[in-house]
Amino acid sequence: MYQKILLPTDGSENAKRAGKHALWIAELGSSDIIVLNVVDMYYPKMPALPNFRRELYNELREEGQKAVEDFKEDLEENQCKGTCKNVNLTTKIKEGKPYDAILETIKEEDVDLVVMGASGRHGLERYLLGSVTERVLREAKCPVLVVP
């Protein structure tokens, strides 16, 4: 069975559905779930707005923190309802390109399974396999469960 399950989240509905699947799998084998949010630090420089990057970073970091906390709370309270005694949930926030941070976490944490949404919270991409998901599927050295 799987010992460590990585659950990347951006707070999207697809990520929430992936969370349900991760929890079902974790309950079967008393697995640990690592809920990961990645703050994408690659955005354009705005010379006319010197504080823009710092303000955007702070906003994205707060949004990421809220996403993982809300996600953990939802899993524990609404889905587990106190019955997930053998499932250990931890949260992480990383900075960088999402697919790089996810692949790095797989290695660092010795993850056995990644459960992630097919796409995140982007316009047209919600109908297609997201670029982050596609890259993780191609490069991960462990199974990846993609939830639509």
Protein backbone atom coordinates (compact mmCIF):
# COMPACT_ATOMS: atom_id res chain seq x y z
CA MET A 1 0.00 0.00 0.00
CA TYR A 2 0.99 3.64 -0.24
CA GLN A 3 2.81 5.17 2.75
CA LYS A 4 2.99 8.80 1.57
CA ILE A 5 0.52 10.51 -0.73
CA LEU A 6 1.26 13.94 -2.18
CA LEU A 7 -1.76 16.13 -2.80
CA PRO A 8 -0.88 19.34 -4.65
CA THR A 9 -3.61 21.97 -4.33
CA ASP A 10 -4.35 25.39 -5.70
CA GLY A 11 -7.74 25.58 -4.03
CA SER A 12 -9.61 24.67 -7.23
CA GLU A 13 -12.61 22.35 -7.39
CA ASN A 14 -10.50 19.75 -9.21
CA ALA A 15 -7.99 19.82 -6.35
CA LYS A 16 -10.82 19.38 -3.83
CA ARG A 17 -12.10 16.34 -5.71
CA ALA A 18 -8.56 14.96 -5.81
CA GLY A 19 -8.45 15.41 -2.03
CA LYS A 20 -11.43 13.12 -1.59
CA HIS A 21 -9.71 10.40 -3.59
CA ALA A 22 -6.45 10.84 -1.68
CA LEU A 23 -8.33 10.49 1.58
CA TRP A 24 -10.14 7.33 0.47
CA ILE A 25 -6.82 5.77 -0.54
CA ALA A 26 -5.09 6.91 2.67
CA GLU A 27 -7.82 5.46 4.88
CA LEU A 28 -7.35 2.04 3.30
CA GLY A 29 -3.67 1.89 4.13
CA SER A 30 -3.13 4.30 7.01
CA SER A 31 -1.11 6.58 4.75
CA ASP A 32 0.26 10.05 5.34
CA ILE A 33 -1.06 12.85 3.12
CA ILE A 34 1.12 15.84 2.32
CA VAL A 35 -1.00 18.78 1.12
CA LEU A 36 1.21 21.04 -1.02
CA ASN A 37 0.63 24.52 -2.38
CA VAL A 38 3.20 26.15 -4.65
CA VAL A 39 3.54 29.92 -4.89
CA ASP A 40 4.54 30.51 -8.50
CA MET A 41 7.26 33.16 -8.28
CA TYR A 42 7.66 33.64 -12.01
CA TYR A 43 5.75 36.75 -12.91
CA PRO A 44 6.90 39.76 -14.92
CA LYS A 45 8.94 42.59 -13.47
CA MET A 46 7.12 45.92 -13.39
CA PRO A 47 9.73 48.70 -13.20
CA ALA A 48 7.04 51.37 -12.85
CA LEU A 49 5.66 49.59 -9.78
CA PRO A 50 8.65 48.74 -7.54
CA ASN A 51 6.55 47.21 -4.76
CA PHE A 52 4.41 45.16 -7.16
CA ARG A 53 6.49 41.97 -6.93
CA ARG A 54 6.64 42.03 -3.13
CA GLU A 55 2.93 42.78 -2.80
CA LEU A 56 2.03 40.09 -5.31
CA TYR A 57 4.31 37.61 -3.55
CA ASN A 58 2.73 38.38 -0.18
CA GLU A 59 -0.76 38.03 -1.62
CA LEU A 60 0.05 34.72 -3.34
CA ARG A 61 1.71 33.36 -0.21
CA GLU A 62 -1.31 34.27 1.93
CA GLU A 63 -3.63 32.72 -0.65
CA GLY A 64 -1.51 29.55 -0.66
CA GLN A 65 -1.50 29.35 3.13
CA LYS A 66 -5.28 29.76 3.19
CA ALA A 67 -5.69 27.12 0.48
CA VAL A 68 -3.75 24.44 2.37
CA GLU A 69 -5.34 25.31 5.73
CA ASP A 70 -8.86 25.29 4.26
CA PHE A 71 -8.09 22.07 2.44
CA LYS A 72 -6.77 20.36 5.56
CA GLU A 73 -9.74 21.58 7.60
CA ASP A 74 -12.19 20.37 4.95
CA LEU A 75 -10.57 16.94 4.81
CA GLU A 76 -10.45 16.55 8.58
CA GLU A 77 -13.86 17.97 9.49
CA ASN A 78 -16.16 17.41 6.53
CA GLN A 79 -14.83 14.23 5.00
CA CYS A 80 -13.20 12.42 7.90
CA LYS A 81 -15.69 13.52 10.54
CA GLY A 82 -13.26 12.25 13.15
CA THR A 83 -12.89 8.80 11.59
CA CYS A 84 -9.49 9.26 9.89
CA LYS A 85 -7.47 8.34 12.94
CA ASN A 86 -4.78 6.53 10.95
CA VAL A 87 -4.27 9.31 8.40
CA ASN A 88 -1.65 11.95 9.17
CA LEU A 89 -2.17 15.23 7.28
CA THR A 90 0.68 17.70 6.90
CA THR A 91 0.86 20.88 4.87
CA LYS A 92 3.68 22.48 2.91
CA ILE A 93 4.06 25.69 0.98
CA LYS A 94 6.87 26.01 -1.53
CA GLU A 95 7.93 28.67 -3.98
CA GLY A 96 8.84 28.23 -7.63
CA LYS A 97 7.42 26.63 -10.72
CA PRO A 98 4.60 24.32 -9.57
CA TYR A 99 5.71 21.24 -11.51
CA ASP A 100 9.32 21.63 -10.29
CA ALA A 101 8.21 22.01 -6.67
CA ILE A 102 5.91 18.98 -6.95
CA LEU A 103 8.64 16.81 -8.49
CA GLU A 104 11.12 18.03 -5.86
CA THR A 105 8.69 17.17 -3.06
CA ILE A 106 8.18 13.68 -4.48
CA LYS A 107 11.91 13.06 -4.13
CA GLU A 108 12.41 14.83 -0.79
CA GLU A 109 9.49 13.13 0.93
CA ASP A 110 9.87 9.75 -0.79
CA VAL A 111 6.27 9.95 -2.02
CA ASP A 112 4.59 6.72 -3.18
CA LEU A 113 1.59 8.29 -4.94
CA VAL A 114 0.57 11.71 -6.25
CA VAL A 115 -3.14 12.51 -6.41
CA MET A 116 -3.93 15.73 -8.27
CA GLY A 117 -6.64 17.46 -10.23
CA ALA A 118 -6.59 17.35 -14.01
CA SER A 119 -6.21 21.13 -14.13
CA GLY A 120 -6.18 24.11 -11.84
CA ARG A 121 -8.14 27.34 -11.72
CA HIS A 122 -7.46 28.67 -15.17
CA GLY A 123 -9.92 29.60 -17.92
CA LEU A 124 -9.78 27.32 -20.95
CA GLU A 125 -7.37 24.92 -19.22
CA ARG A 126 -10.18 23.64 -17.03
CA TYR A 127 -11.43 21.69 -20.05
CA LEU A 128 -8.00 20.26 -20.87
CA LEU A 129 -5.29 18.44 -18.99
CA GLY A 130 -3.35 21.20 -17.23
CA SER A 131 0.28 21.80 -18.12
CA VAL A 132 1.45 21.22 -14.53
CA THR A 133 -0.44 17.93 -14.32
CA GLU A 134 0.85 16.84 -17.72
CA ARG A 135 4.46 17.58 -16.75
CA VAL A 136 4.16 15.76 -13.41
CA LEU A 137 2.64 12.76 -15.22
CA ARG A 138 5.58 12.63 -17.62
CA GLU A 139 8.38 13.12 -15.11
CA ALA A 140 7.25 11.61 -11.79
CA LYS A 141 8.98 8.42 -10.70
CA CYS A 142 5.89 7.23 -8.83
CA PRO A 143 2.26 6.61 -9.80
CA VAL A 144 0.12 9.71 -10.44
CA LEU A 145 -3.67 9.58 -10.09
CA VAL A 146 -5.32 12.38 -12.06
CA VAL A 147 -8.84 13.30 -10.93
CA PRO A 148 -11.09 15.20 -13.38
